[in-house]
Amino acid sequence: MILDNLMDFENISEILRTISPQLIENLSKLFTLLKIVGIIFIVYVAYLIVNFILNIKKERRIKRIEKKIDSIEKKLDLVLKNKKQK
């Protein structure tokens, strides 16, 4: 019985030796792929952050423009009222 277990152990170690290089090669490819995916994810997050900041700046600019337009409209209304009264 111990001999059978020893034979099984030898068979397992032999199988591991033959599978090991293939497994290591596949794991190496997998790790490389995961690194690439990680880099792409980091770049995408950076893009989202920059885009968010630029959108905030655009929103502020649009609000300033809206305020100026409102001010111009009020002034035009006053000018038109004055012309109608004369």
N, C-alpha and C. Protein backbone atom coordinates (compact mmCIF):
# COMPACT_ATOMS: atom_id res chain seq x y z
N MET A 1 0.81 -1.18 0.00
CA MET A 1 0.00 0.00 0.00
C MET A 1 0.87 1.26 0.00
N ILE A 2 1.91 1.27 0.81
CA ILE A 2 2.81 2.41 0.84
C ILE A 2 3.52 2.54 -0.50
N LEU A 3 3.87 1.38 -1.10
CA LEU A 3 4.50 1.41 -2.41
C LEU A 3 3.58 2.01 -3.46
N ASP A 4 2.31 1.67 -3.38
CA ASP A 4 1.36 2.24 -4.33
C ASP A 4 1.28 3.76 -4.18
N ASN A 5 1.25 4.22 -2.93
CA ASN A 5 1.21 5.67 -2.69
C ASN A 5 2.49 6.34 -3.18
N LEU A 6 3.61 5.66 -3.00
CA LEU A 6 4.89 6.19 -3.47
C LEU A 6 4.89 6.26 -4.98
N MET A 7 4.36 5.24 -5.64
CA MET A 7 4.29 5.24 -7.11
C MET A 7 3.37 6.36 -7.59
N ASP A 8 2.28 6.55 -6.87
CA ASP A 8 1.36 7.63 -7.24
C ASP A 8 2.06 8.98 -7.09
N PHE A 9 2.84 9.12 -6.03
CA PHE A 9 3.58 10.36 -5.81
C PHE A 9 4.57 10.61 -6.94
N GLU A 10 5.27 9.55 -7.36
CA GLU A 10 6.22 9.69 -8.46
C GLU A 10 5.49 10.08 -9.74
N ASN A 11 4.34 9.46 -9.97
CA ASN A 11 3.57 9.81 -11.17
C ASN A 11 3.09 11.26 -11.11
N ILE A 12 2.67 11.69 -9.93
CA ILE A 12 2.19 13.06 -9.78
C ILE A 12 3.33 14.05 -9.99
N SER A 13 4.49 13.75 -9.40
CA SER A 13 5.62 14.67 -9.57
C SER A 13 6.08 14.70 -11.01
N GLU A 14 6.01 13.58 -11.70
CA GLU A 14 6.39 13.54 -13.12
C GLU A 14 5.39 14.35 -13.94
N ILE A 15 4.13 14.22 -13.62
CA ILE A 15 3.10 14.98 -14.33
C ILE A 15 3.28 16.47 -14.09
N LEU A 16 3.59 16.83 -12.84
CA LEU A 16 3.80 18.24 -12.52
C LEU A 16 5.01 18.80 -13.26
N ARG A 17 6.05 17.99 -13.41
CA ARG A 17 7.24 18.46 -14.14
C ARG A 17 6.91 18.72 -15.60
N THR A 18 6.07 17.90 -16.19
CA THR A 18 5.75 18.10 -17.61
C THR A 18 4.73 19.21 -17.79
N ILE A 19 3.82 19.34 -16.86
CA ILE A 19 2.80 20.38 -16.97
C ILE A 19 3.35 21.73 -16.54
N SER A 20 4.26 21.73 -15.63
CA SER A 20 4.76 22.96 -15.04
C SER A 20 5.23 24.00 -16.05
N PRO A 21 6.08 23.66 -17.02
CA PRO A 21 6.49 24.70 -17.98
C PRO A 21 5.32 25.27 -18.78
N GLN A 22 4.40 24.40 -19.16
CA GLN A 22 3.23 24.87 -19.90
C GLN A 22 2.37 25.77 -19.02
N LEU A 23 2.20 25.34 -17.78
CA LEU A 23 1.39 26.11 -16.85
C LEU A 23 2.03 27.46 -16.56
N ILE A 24 3.33 27.46 -16.36
CA ILE A 24 4.05 28.70 -16.09
C ILE A 24 3.95 29.64 -17.29
N GLU A 25 4.06 29.09 -18.48
CA GLU A 25 3.96 29.91 -19.69
C GLU A 25 2.55 30.52 -19.80
N ASN A 26 1.54 29.71 -19.54
CA ASN A 26 0.17 30.22 -19.61
C ASN A 26 -0.10 31.25 -18.52
N LEU A 27 0.41 31.01 -17.32
CA LEU A 27 0.25 31.98 -16.25
C LEU A 27 0.98 33.28 -16.55
N SER A 28 2.13 33.16 -17.18
CA SER A 28 2.89 34.34 -17.57
C SER A 28 2.08 35.19 -18.56
N LYS A 29 1.46 34.52 -19.52
CA LYS A 29 0.62 35.23 -20.48
C LYS A 29 -0.58 35.86 -19.79
N LEU A 30 -1.15 35.14 -18.84
CA LEU A 30 -2.30 35.66 -18.10
C LEU A 30 -1.91 36.89 -17.29
N PHE A 31 -0.76 36.84 -16.62
CA PHE A 31 -0.31 38.00 -15.84
C PHE A 31 -0.03 39.19 -16.75
N THR A 32 0.55 38.94 -17.92
CA THR A 32 0.80 40.02 -18.87
C THR A 32 -0.52 40.63 -19.32
N LEU A 33 -1.49 39.80 -19.59
CA LEU A 33 -2.80 40.29 -20.01
C LEU A 33 -3.45 41.10 -18.89
N LEU A 34 -3.33 40.63 -17.65
CA LEU A 34 -3.89 41.37 -16.52
C LEU A 34 -3.20 42.72 -16.32
N LYS A 35 -1.90 42.76 -16.56
CA LYS A 35 -1.18 44.03 -16.48
C LYS A 35 -1.69 45.01 -17.53
N ILE A 36 -1.89 44.52 -18.74
CA ILE A 36 -2.40 45.37 -19.82
C ILE A 36 -3.79 45.89 -19.48
N VAL A 37 -4.64 45.01 -18.98
CA VAL A 37 -5.99 45.42 -18.59
C VAL A 37 -5.92 46.45 -17.46
N GLY A 38 -5.03 46.26 -16.52
CA GLY A 38 -4.86 47.20 -15.42
C GLY A 38 -4.41 48.57 -15.91
N ILE A 39 -3.48 48.59 -16.83
CA ILE A 39 -2.99 49.86 -17.38
C ILE A 39 -4.11 50.56 -18.13
N ILE A 40 -4.86 49.81 -18.91
CA ILE A 40 -5.98 50.40 -19.65
C ILE A 40 -7.01 50.97 -18.68
N PHE A 41 -7.28 50.25 -17.61
CA PHE A 41 -8.23 50.73 -16.60
C PHE A 41 -7.74 52.02 -15.96
N ILE A 42 -6.47 52.08 -15.62
CA ILE A 42 -5.91 53.29 -15.00
C ILE A 42 -6.00 54.47 -15.96
N VAL A 43 -5.69 54.24 -17.22
CA VAL A 43 -5.78 55.31 -18.23
C VAL A 43 -7.23 55.78 -18.37
N TYR A 44 -8.16 54.83 -18.35
CA TYR A 44 -9.58 55.18 -18.47
C TYR A 44 -10.04 56.00 -17.27
N VAL A 45 -9.63 55.62 -16.09
CA VAL A 45 -10.01 56.39 -14.89
C VAL A 45 -9.42 57.79 -14.95
N ALA A 46 -8.18 57.91 -15.41
CA ALA A 46 -7.56 59.23 -15.56
C ALA A 46 -8.34 60.06 -16.58
N TYR A 47 -8.76 59.44 -17.68
CA TYR A 47 -9.56 60.13 -18.68
C TYR A 47 -10.87 60.62 -18.07
N LEU A 48 -11.53 59.78 -17.28
CA LEU A 48 -12.79 60.18 -16.65
C LEU A 48 -12.59 61.35 -15.71
N ILE A 49 -11.51 61.34 -14.96
CA ILE A 49 -11.23 62.44 -14.01
C ILE A 49 -11.01 63.75 -14.77
N VAL A 50 -10.19 63.69 -15.82
CA VAL A 50 -9.91 64.89 -16.61
C VAL A 50 -11.20 65.39 -17.26
N ASN A 51 -11.98 64.47 -17.80
CA ASN A 51 -13.24 64.84 -18.44
C ASN A 51 -14.20 65.48 -17.43
N PHE A 52 -14.25 64.96 -16.23
CA PHE A 52 -15.10 65.51 -15.17
C PHE A 52 -14.68 66.94 -14.84
N ILE A 53 -13.38 67.17 -14.71
CA ILE A 53 -12.87 68.51 -14.39
C ILE A 53 -13.20 69.48 -15.52
N LEU A 54 -13.01 69.04 -16.77
CA LEU A 54 -13.31 69.92 -17.90
C LEU A 54 -14.81 70.23 -17.98
N ASN A 55 -15.64 69.25 -17.66
CA ASN A 55 -17.08 69.50 -17.67
C ASN A 55 -17.49 70.51 -16.60
N ILE A 56 -16.85 70.45 -15.45
CA ILE A 56 -17.14 71.42 -14.40
C ILE A 56 -16.78 72.82 -14.88
N LYS A 57 -15.62 72.95 -15.53
CA LYS A 57 -15.21 74.26 -16.05
C LYS A 57 -16.19 74.76 -17.11
N LYS A 58 -16.66 73.86 -17.97
CA LYS A 58 -17.63 74.25 -19.00
C LYS A 58 -18.93 74.72 -18.37
N GLU A 59 -19.37 74.00 -17.35
CA GLU A 59 -20.62 74.38 -16.68
C GLU A 59 -20.49 75.77 -16.06
N ARG A 60 -19.38 76.05 -15.43
CA ARG A 60 -19.16 77.38 -14.83
C ARG A 60 -19.18 78.46 -15.91
N ARG A 61 -18.52 78.17 -17.02
CA ARG A 61 -18.47 79.15 -18.11
C ARG A 61 -19.87 79.39 -18.67
N ILE A 62 -20.64 78.34 -18.84
CA ILE A 62 -22.00 78.48 -19.36
C ILE A 62 -22.85 79.30 -18.40
N LYS A 63 -22.70 79.08 -17.10
CA LYS A 63 -23.46 79.86 -16.12
C LYS A 63 -23.10 81.35 -16.20
N ARG A 64 -21.79 81.63 -16.36
CA ARG A 64 -21.38 83.03 -16.48
C ARG A 64 -21.98 83.66 -17.73
N ILE A 65 -21.98 82.92 -18.83
CA ILE A 65 -22.54 83.43 -20.07
C ILE A 65 -24.04 83.67 -19.92
N GLU A 66 -24.73 82.74 -19.24
CA GLU A 66 -26.17 82.92 -19.01
C GLU A 66 -26.45 84.18 -18.21
N LYS A 67 -25.64 84.44 -17.18
CA LYS A 67 -25.82 85.65 -16.37
C LYS A 67 -25.63 86.90 -17.22
N LYS A 68 -24.62 86.89 -18.08
CA LYS A 68 -24.36 88.04 -18.94
C LYS A 68 -25.51 88.25 -19.93
N ILE A 69 -26.03 87.15 -20.46
CA ILE A 69 -27.15 87.25 -21.40
C ILE A 69 -28.38 87.82 -20.70
N ASP A 70 -28.63 87.35 -19.49
CA ASP A 70 -29.76 87.89 -18.72
C ASP A 70 -29.60 89.38 -18.49
N SER A 71 -28.39 89.78 -18.16
CA SER A 71 -28.12 91.21 -17.94
C SER A 71 -28.35 92.00 -19.23
N ILE A 72 -27.89 91.49 -20.33
CA ILE A 72 -28.07 92.17 -21.62
C ILE A 72 -29.56 92.25 -21.97
N GLU A 73 -30.29 91.18 -21.71
CA GLU A 73 -31.74 91.19 -21.99
C GLU A 73 -32.46 92.25 -21.16
N LYS A 74 -32.10 92.36 -19.91
CA LYS A 74 -32.73 93.37 -19.05
C LYS A 74 -32.44 94.78 -19.56
N LYS A 75 -31.21 95.01 -19.96
CA LYS A 75 -30.85 96.32 -20.48
C LYS A 75 -31.59 96.62 -21.78
N LEU A 76 -31.71 95.61 -22.64
CA LEU A 76 -32.44 95.81 -23.89
C LEU A 76 -33.91 96.11 -23.62
N ASP A 77 -34.49 95.40 -22.65
CA ASP A 77 -35.89 95.67 -22.30
C ASP A 77 -36.06 97.11 -21.82
N LEU A 78 -35.14 97.58 -21.02
CA LEU A 78 -35.19 98.97 -20.55
C LEU A 78 -35.07 99.96 -21.70
N VAL A 79 -34.18 99.70 -22.61
CA VAL A 79 -34.00 100.59 -23.76
C VAL A 79 -35.26 100.59 -24.62
N LEU A 80 -35.83 99.41 -24.84
CA LEU A 80 -37.05 99.33 -25.67
C LEU A 80 -38.23 100.04 -25.00
N LYS A 81 -38.35 99.92 -23.69
CA LYS A 81 -39.42 100.60 -22.96
C LYS A 81 -39.26 102.11 -23.07
N ASN A 82 -38.01 102.58 -22.96
CA ASN A 82 -37.75 104.02 -23.07
C ASN A 82 -38.09 104.53 -24.46
N LYS A 83 -37.84 103.74 -25.48
CA LYS A 83 -38.13 104.18 -26.86
C LYS A 83 -39.64 104.20 -27.08
N LYS A 84 -40.36 103.25 -26.50
CA LYS A 84 -41.81 103.22 -26.67
C LYS A 84 -42.45 104.41 -25.96
N GLN A 85 -41.92 104.84 -24.86
CA GLN A 85 -42.48 105.95 -24.10
C GLN A 85 -42.26 107.28 -24.81
N LYS A 86 -41.25 107.41 -25.58
CA LYS A 86 -40.95 108.68 -26.26
C LYS A 86 -41.76 108.79 -27.46
